[in-house]
Amino acid sequence: MRLCRTRVKTVQTLRNKKEAAQKLGIKCRKLDYLREAGQIPWVRIGSKVLFLDADLDRFIQQQRISARFWGEKETG
């Protein structure tokens, strides 16, 4: 018996600058700053600058502040 192997293709959503900025709740200029600073990965296809949804989600997760630090007063 021969097993047929199939490959599962993962569809990744690409967003343009305006859509990516809207998802993050920031202005396009701030997104440009983050991109140029190397904080958000991006893809260039021709003259278009695009962002993967997965990268935007990862960036959001990295920006989360732990609940135990929320509301703590600074000492010093």
PDB file of N, CA and C in Angstrom:
ATOM      1  N   MET A   1       0.854  -1.177   0.000  1.00  0.00           N
ATOM      2  CA  MET A   1       0.000   0.000   0.000  1.00  0.00           C
ATOM      3  C   MET A   1       0.899   1.239   0.000  1.00  0.00           C
ATOM      4  N   ARG A   2       0.563   2.162  -0.820  1.00  0.00           N
ATOM      5  CA  ARG A   2       1.306   3.407  -0.924  1.00  0.00           C
ATOM      6  C   ARG A   2       0.523   4.553  -0.297  1.00  0.00           C
ATOM      7  N   LEU A   3       1.196   5.283   0.562  1.00  0.00           N
ATOM      8  CA  LEU A   3       0.531   6.412   1.203  1.00  0.00           C
ATOM      9  C   LEU A   3       0.740   7.662   0.371  1.00  0.00           C
ATOM     10  N   CYS A   4      -0.304   8.403   0.230  1.00  0.00           N
ATOM     11  CA  CYS A   4      -0.225   9.663  -0.504  1.00  0.00           C
ATOM     12  C   CYS A   4       0.034  10.780   0.498  1.00  0.00           C
ATOM     13  N   ARG A   5       1.095  11.502   0.271  1.00  0.00           N
ATOM     14  CA  ARG A   5       1.407  12.617   1.161  1.00  0.00           C
ATOM     15  C   ARG A   5       0.947  13.915   0.522  1.00  0.00           C
ATOM     16  N   THR A   6       0.233  14.667   1.284  1.00  0.00           N
ATOM     17  CA  THR A   6      -0.215  15.965   0.786  1.00  0.00           C
ATOM     18  C   THR A   6       0.424  17.056   1.625  1.00  0.00           C
ATOM     19  N   ARG A   7       0.661  18.134   1.010  1.00  0.00           N
ATOM     20  CA  ARG A   7       1.221  19.279   1.715  1.00  0.00           C
ATOM     21  C   ARG A   7       0.113  20.262   2.020  1.00  0.00           C
ATOM     22  N   VAL A   8       0.124  20.727   3.230  1.00  0.00           N
ATOM     23  CA  VAL A   8      -0.856  21.723   3.640  1.00  0.00           C
ATOM     24  C   VAL A   8      -0.228  23.090   3.435  1.00  0.00           C
ATOM     25  N   LYS A   9      -0.874  23.913   2.656  1.00  0.00           N
ATOM     26  CA  LYS A   9      -0.371  25.252   2.410  1.00  0.00           C
ATOM     27  C   LYS A   9      -0.963  26.209   3.427  1.00  0.00           C
ATOM     28  N   THR A  10      -0.099  27.004   4.015  1.00  0.00           N
ATOM     29  CA  THR A  10      -0.544  28.008   4.963  1.00  0.00           C
ATOM     30  C   THR A  10      -0.729  29.318   4.213  1.00  0.00           C
ATOM     31  N   VAL A  11      -1.887  29.875   4.324  1.00  0.00           N
ATOM     32  CA  VAL A  11      -2.162  31.153   3.672  1.00  0.00           C
ATOM     33  C   VAL A  11      -1.808  32.259   4.657  1.00  0.00           C
ATOM     34  N   GLN A  12      -0.937  33.141   4.220  1.00  0.00           N
ATOM     35  CA  GLN A  12      -0.545  34.256   5.063  1.00  0.00           C
ATOM     36  C   GLN A  12      -1.092  35.535   4.452  1.00  0.00           C
ATOM     37  N   THR A  13      -1.750  36.313   5.286  1.00  0.00           N
ATOM     38  CA  THR A  13      -2.350  37.554   4.831  1.00  0.00           C
ATOM     39  C   THR A  13      -1.312  38.661   4.839  1.00  0.00           C
ATOM     40  N   LEU A  14      -1.228  39.376   3.732  1.00  0.00           N
ATOM     41  CA  LEU A  14      -0.367  40.543   3.635  1.00  0.00           C
ATOM     42  C   LEU A  14      -1.222  41.792   3.732  1.00  0.00           C
ATOM     43  N   ARG A  15      -0.728  42.778   4.457  1.00  0.00           N
ATOM     44  CA  ARG A  15      -1.441  44.051   4.586  1.00  0.00           C
ATOM     45  C   ARG A  15      -0.551  45.171   4.081  1.00  0.00           C
ATOM     46  N   ASN A  16      -1.179  46.150   3.445  1.00  0.00           N
ATOM     47  CA  ASN A  16      -0.412  47.332   3.048  1.00  0.00           C
ATOM     48  C   ASN A  16      -0.190  48.204   4.283  1.00  0.00           C
ATOM     49  N   LYS A  17       0.527  49.292   4.094  1.00  0.00           N
ATOM     50  CA  LYS A  17       0.895  50.143   5.231  1.00  0.00           C
ATOM     51  C   LYS A  17      -0.327  50.693   5.961  1.00  0.00           C
ATOM     52  N   LYS A  18      -1.310  51.138   5.215  1.00  0.00           N
ATOM     53  CA  LYS A  18      -2.506  51.719   5.841  1.00  0.00           C
ATOM     54  C   LYS A  18      -3.257  50.668   6.660  1.00  0.00           C
ATOM     55  N   GLU A  19      -3.425  49.475   6.095  1.00  0.00           N
ATOM     56  CA  GLU A  19      -4.132  48.400   6.799  1.00  0.00           C
ATOM     57  C   GLU A  19      -3.366  47.952   8.043  1.00  0.00           C
ATOM     58  N   ALA A  20      -2.036  47.862   7.920  1.00  0.00           N
ATOM     59  CA  ALA A  20      -1.211  47.447   9.062  1.00  0.00           C
ATOM     60  C   ALA A  20      -1.279  48.477  10.179  1.00  0.00           C
ATOM     61  N   ALA A  21      -1.214  49.747   9.818  1.00  0.00           N
ATOM     62  CA  ALA A  21      -1.297  50.812  10.821  1.00  0.00           C
ATOM     63  C   ALA A  21      -2.648  50.774  11.529  1.00  0.00           C
ATOM     64  N   GLN A  22      -3.716  50.548  10.780  1.00  0.00           N
ATOM     65  CA  GLN A  22      -5.047  50.458  11.381  1.00  0.00           C
ATOM     66  C   GLN A  22      -5.137  49.286  12.352  1.00  0.00           C
ATOM     67  N   LYS A  23      -4.558  48.149  11.971  1.00  0.00           N
ATOM     68  CA  LYS A  23      -4.587  46.974  12.856  1.00  0.00           C
ATOM     69  C   LYS A  23      -3.862  47.260  14.163  1.00  0.00           C
ATOM     70  N   LEU A  24      -2.751  48.001  14.085  1.00  0.00           N
ATOM     71  CA  LEU A  24      -1.973  48.323  15.284  1.00  0.00           C
ATOM     72  C   LEU A  24      -2.519  49.531  16.037  1.00  0.00           C
ATOM     73  N   GLY A  25      -3.432  50.287  15.413  1.00  0.00           N
ATOM     74  CA  GLY A  25      -3.989  51.473  16.055  1.00  0.00           C
ATOM     75  C   GLY A  25      -3.014  52.635  16.108  1.00  0.00           C
ATOM     76  N   ILE A  26      -2.145  52.718  15.087  1.00  0.00           N
ATOM     77  CA  ILE A  26      -1.157  53.792  15.028  1.00  0.00           C
ATOM     78  C   ILE A  26      -1.236  54.476  13.664  1.00  0.00           C
ATOM     79  N   LYS A  27      -0.524  55.582  13.514  1.00  0.00           N
ATOM     80  CA  LYS A  27      -0.485  56.294  12.241  1.00  0.00           C
ATOM     81  C   LYS A  27       0.567  55.662  11.331  1.00  0.00           C
ATOM     82  N   CYS A  28       0.419  55.882  10.039  1.00  0.00           N
ATOM     83  CA  CYS A  28       1.355  55.338   9.055  1.00  0.00           C
ATOM     84  C   CYS A  28       2.781  55.817   9.306  1.00  0.00           C
ATOM     85  N   ARG A  29       2.942  57.047   9.755  1.00  0.00           N
ATOM     86  CA  ARG A  29       4.289  57.576  10.027  1.00  0.00           C
ATOM     87  C   ARG A  29       4.955  56.808  11.162  1.00  0.00           C
ATOM     88  N   LYS A  30       4.200  56.453  12.190  1.00  0.00           N
ATOM     89  CA  LYS A  30       4.741  55.665  13.305  1.00  0.00           C
ATOM     90  C   LYS A  30       5.129  54.273  12.813  1.00  0.00           C
ATOM     91  N   LEU A  31       4.304  53.692  11.939  1.00  0.00           N
ATOM     92  CA  LEU A  31       4.617  52.385  11.369  1.00  0.00           C
ATOM     93  C   LEU A  31       5.913  52.456  10.558  1.00  0.00           C
ATOM     94  N   ASP A  32       6.089  53.534   9.786  1.00  0.00           N
ATOM     95  CA  ASP A  32       7.341  53.734   9.044  1.00  0.00           C
ATOM     96  C   ASP A  32       8.531  53.788   9.996  1.00  0.00           C
ATOM     97  N   TYR A  33       8.374  54.487  11.112  1.00  0.00           N
ATOM     98  CA  TYR A  33       9.442  54.593  12.103  1.00  0.00           C
ATOM     99  C   TYR A  33       9.792  53.212  12.664  1.00  0.00           C
ATOM    100  N   LEU A  34       8.771  52.441  13.039  1.00  0.00           N
ATOM    101  CA  LEU A  34       9.002  51.113  13.593  1.00  0.00           C
ATOM    102  C   LEU A  34       9.663  50.188  12.571  1.00  0.00           C
ATOM    103  N   ARG A  35       9.247  50.316  11.318  1.00  0.00           N
ATOM    104  CA  ARG A  35       9.829  49.497  10.241  1.00  0.00           C
ATOM    105  C   ARG A  35      11.290  49.858  10.033  1.00  0.00           C
ATOM    106  N   GLU A  36      11.584  51.156   9.950  1.00  0.00           N
ATOM    107  CA  GLU A  36      12.952  51.615   9.719  1.00  0.00           C
ATOM    108  C   GLU A  36      13.871  51.291  10.900  1.00  0.00           C
ATOM    109  N   ALA A  37      13.298  51.241  12.106  1.00  0.00           N
ATOM    110  CA  ALA A  37      14.069  50.902  13.304  1.00  0.00           C
ATOM    111  C   ALA A  37      14.267  49.390  13.445  1.00  0.00           C
ATOM    112  N   GLY A  38      13.655  48.621  12.544  1.00  0.00           N
ATOM    113  CA  GLY A  38      13.809  47.172  12.578  1.00  0.00           C
ATOM    114  C   GLY A  38      12.956  46.482  13.617  1.00  0.00           C
ATOM    115  N   GLN A  39      11.918  47.166  14.112  1.00  0.00           N
ATOM    116  CA  GLN A  39      11.066  46.583  15.145  1.00  0.00           C
ATOM    117  C   GLN A  39       9.920  45.763  14.575  1.00  0.00           C
ATOM    118  N   ILE A  40       9.573  46.007  13.314  1.00  0.00           N
ATOM    119  CA  ILE A  40       8.509  45.249  12.655  1.00  0.00           C
ATOM    120  C   ILE A  40       9.041  44.742  11.317  1.00  0.00           C
ATOM    121  N   PRO A  41       9.002  43.414  11.096  1.00  0.00           N
ATOM    122  CA  PRO A  41       9.429  42.878   9.805  1.00  0.00           C
ATOM    123  C   PRO A  41       8.478  43.308   8.690  1.00  0.00           C
ATOM    124  N   TRP A  42       8.998  43.396   7.480  1.00  0.00           N
ATOM    125  CA  TRP A  42       8.183  43.807   6.349  1.00  0.00           C
ATOM    126  C   TRP A  42       8.681  43.126   5.087  1.00  0.00           C
ATOM    127  N   VAL A  43       7.869  43.190   4.040  1.00  0.00           N
ATOM    128  CA  VAL A  43       8.179  42.567   2.763  1.00  0.00           C
ATOM    129  C   VAL A  43       8.037  43.625   1.684  1.00  0.00           C
ATOM    130  N   ARG A  44       8.981  43.640   0.755  1.00  0.00           N
ATOM    131  CA  ARG A  44       8.849  44.548  -0.395  1.00  0.00           C
ATOM    132  C   ARG A  44       8.575  43.688  -1.625  1.00  0.00           C
ATOM    133  N   ILE A  45       7.485  43.985  -2.282  1.00  0.00           N
ATOM    134  CA  ILE A  45       7.148  43.342  -3.553  1.00  0.00           C
ATOM    135  C   ILE A  45       7.000  44.467  -4.556  1.00  0.00           C
ATOM    136  N   GLY A  46       7.968  44.568  -5.440  1.00  0.00           N
ATOM    137  CA  GLY A  46       8.007  45.702  -6.359  1.00  0.00           C
ATOM    138  C   GLY A  46       8.242  46.961  -5.552  1.00  0.00           C
ATOM    139  N   SER A  47       7.353  47.907  -5.701  1.00  0.00           N
ATOM    140  CA  SER A  47       7.486  49.155  -4.939  1.00  0.00           C
ATOM    141  C   SER A  47       6.608  49.163  -3.692  1.00  0.00           C
ATOM    142  N   LYS A  48       5.869  48.073  -3.479  1.00  0.00           N
ATOM    143  CA  LYS A  48       4.951  48.015  -2.340  1.00  0.00           C
ATOM    144  C   LYS A  48       5.638  47.498  -1.087  1.00  0.00           C
ATOM    145  N   VAL A  49       5.351  48.135   0.026  1.00  0.00           N
ATOM    146  CA  VAL A  49       5.804  47.690   1.340  1.00  0.00           C
ATOM    147  C   VAL A  49       4.614  47.014   2.004  1.00  0.00           C
ATOM    148  N   LEU A  50       4.793  45.742   2.371  1.00  0.00           N
ATOM    149  CA  LEU A  50       3.702  44.957   2.931  1.00  0.00           C
ATOM    150  C   LEU A  50       4.119  44.325   4.257  1.00  0.00           C
ATOM    151  N   PHE A  51       3.121  43.969   5.052  1.00  0.00           N
ATOM    152  CA  PHE A  51       3.357  43.400   6.373  1.00  0.00           C
ATOM    153  C   PHE A  51       2.543  42.122   6.511  1.00  0.00           C
ATOM    154  N   LEU A  52       3.176  41.081   7.053  1.00  0.00           N
ATOM    155  CA  LEU A  52       2.459  39.835   7.307  1.00  0.00           C
ATOM    156  C   LEU A  52       1.626  39.978   8.572  1.00  0.00           C
ATOM    157  N   ASP A  53       0.411  39.480   8.521  1.00  0.00           N
ATOM    158  CA  ASP A  53      -0.467  39.504   9.697  1.00  0.00           C
ATOM    159  C   ASP A  53       0.199  38.827  10.891  1.00  0.00           C
ATOM    160  N   ALA A  54       0.876  37.715  10.652  1.00  0.00           N
ATOM    161  CA  ALA A  54       1.535  36.983  11.733  1.00  0.00           C
ATOM    162  C   ALA A  54       2.599  37.843  12.412  1.00  0.00           C
ATOM    163  N   ASP A  55       3.339  38.649  11.628  1.00  0.00           N
ATOM    164  CA  ASP A  55       4.352  39.530  12.202  1.00  0.00           C
ATOM    165  C   ASP A  55       3.721  40.643  13.027  1.00  0.00           C
ATOM    166  N   LEU A  56       2.587  41.159  12.560  1.00  0.00           N
ATOM    167  CA  LEU A  56       1.885  42.197  13.314  1.00  0.00           C
ATOM    168  C   LEU A  56       1.357  41.632  14.633  1.00  0.00           C
ATOM    169  N   ASP A  57       0.807  40.414  14.576  1.00  0.00           N
ATOM    170  CA  ASP A  57       0.318  39.765  15.795  1.00  0.00           C
ATOM    171  C   ASP A  57       1.459  39.530  16.777  1.00  0.00           C
ATOM    172  N   ARG A  58       2.612  39.105  16.271  1.00  0.00           N
ATOM    173  CA  ARG A  58       3.784  38.876  17.117  1.00  0.00           C
ATOM    174  C   ARG A  58       4.241  40.181  17.767  1.00  0.00           C
ATOM    175  N   PHE A  59       4.234  41.276  16.993  1.00  0.00           N
ATOM    176  CA  PHE A  59       4.611  42.582  17.532  1.00  0.00           C
ATOM    177  C   PHE A  59       3.672  42.987  18.658  1.00  0.00           C
ATOM    178  N   ILE A  60       2.376  42.771  18.468  1.00  0.00           N
ATOM    179  CA  ILE A  60       1.386  43.106  19.499  1.00  0.00           C
ATOM    180  C   ILE A  60       1.671  42.304  20.767  1.00  0.00           C
ATOM    181  N   GLN A  61       1.942  41.017  20.629  1.00  0.00           N
ATOM    182  CA  GLN A  61       2.232  40.173  21.795  1.00  0.00           C
ATOM    183  C   GLN A  61       3.480  40.655  22.527  1.00  0.00           C
ATOM    184  N   GLN A  62       4.485  41.104  21.782  1.00  0.00           N
ATOM    185  CA  GLN A  62       5.722  41.587  22.398  1.00  0.00           C
ATOM    186  C   GLN A  62       5.510  42.883  23.173  1.00  0.00           C
ATOM    187  N   GLN A  63       4.471  43.625  22.836  1.00  0.00           N
ATOM    188  CA  GLN A  63       4.209  44.903  23.491  1.00  0.00           C
ATOM    189  C   GLN A  63       3.355  44.763  24.741  1.00  0.00           C
ATOM    190  N   ARG A  64       2.851  43.559  24.993  1.00  0.00           N
ATOM    191  CA  ARG A  64       1.978  43.353  26.157  1.00  0.00           C
ATOM    192  C   ARG A  64       2.738  43.570  27.446  1.00  0.00           C
ATOM    193  N   ILE A  65       2.069  44.162  28.399  1.00  0.00           N
ATOM    194  CA  ILE A  65       2.639  44.402  29.725  1.00  0.00           C
ATOM    195  C   ILE A  65       1.978  43.418  30.681  1.00  0.00           C
ATOM    196  N   SER A  66       2.800  42.733  31.436  1.00  0.00           N
ATOM    197  CA  SER A  66       2.295  41.746  32.380  1.00  0.00           C
ATOM    198  C   SER A  66       1.391  42.424  33.413  1.00  0.00           C
ATOM    199  N   ALA A  67       0.321  41.757  33.808  1.00  0.00           N
ATOM    200  CA  ALA A  67      -0.636  42.311  34.765  1.00  0.00           C
ATOM    201  C   ALA A  67       0.011  42.589  36.116  1.00  0.00           C
ATOM    202  N   ARG A  68       1.032  41.828  36.492  1.00  0.00           N
ATOM    203  CA  ARG A  68       1.653  42.043  37.799  1.00  0.00           C
ATOM    204  C   ARG A  68       2.432  43.347  37.853  1.00  0.00           C
ATOM    205  N   PHE A  69       2.837  43.868  36.708  1.00  0.00           N
ATOM    206  CA  PHE A  69       3.543  45.143  36.679  1.00  0.00           C
ATOM    207  C   PHE A  69       2.591  46.324  36.503  1.00  0.00           C
ATOM    208  N   TRP A  70       1.385  46.039  36.072  1.00  0.00           N
ATOM    209  CA  TRP A  70       0.402  47.087  35.820  1.00  0.00           C
ATOM    210  C   TRP A  70      -0.013  47.707  37.145  1.00  0.00           C
ATOM    211  N   GLY A  71       0.172  48.979  37.297  1.00  0.00           N
ATOM    212  CA  GLY A  71      -0.260  49.670  38.495  1.00  0.00           C
ATOM    213  C   GLY A  71       0.760  49.723  39.612  1.00  0.00           C
ATOM    214  N   GLU A  72       1.917  49.061  39.426  1.00  0.00           N
ATOM    215  CA  GLU A  72       2.942  49.151  40.468  1.00  0.00           C
ATOM    216  C   GLU A  72       3.562  50.533  40.450  1.00  0.00           C
ATOM    217  N   LYS A  73       3.852  51.036  41.621  1.00  0.00           N
ATOM    218  CA  LYS A  73       4.483  52.352  41.715  1.00  0.00           C
ATOM    219  C   LYS A  73       5.984  52.190  41.650  1.00  0.00           C
ATOM    220  N   GLU A  74       6.628  53.172  41.013  1.00  0.00           N
ATOM    221  CA  GLU A  74       8.073  53.150  40.946  1.00  0.00           C
ATOM    222  C   GLU A  74       8.641  53.486  42.318  1.00  0.00           C
ATOM    223  N   THR A  75       9.712  52.828  42.681  1.00  0.00           N
ATOM    224  CA  THR A  75      10.379  53.119  43.944  1.00  0.00           C
ATOM    225  C   THR A  75      11.684  53.843  43.642  1.00  0.00           C
ATOM    226  N   GLY A  76      12.063  54.700  44.495  1.00  0.00           N
ATOM    227  CA  GLY A  76      13.348  55.361  44.262  1.00  0.00           C
ATOM    228  C   GLY A  76      13.233  56.776  44.471  1.00  0.00           C
TER     229      GLY A  76
END
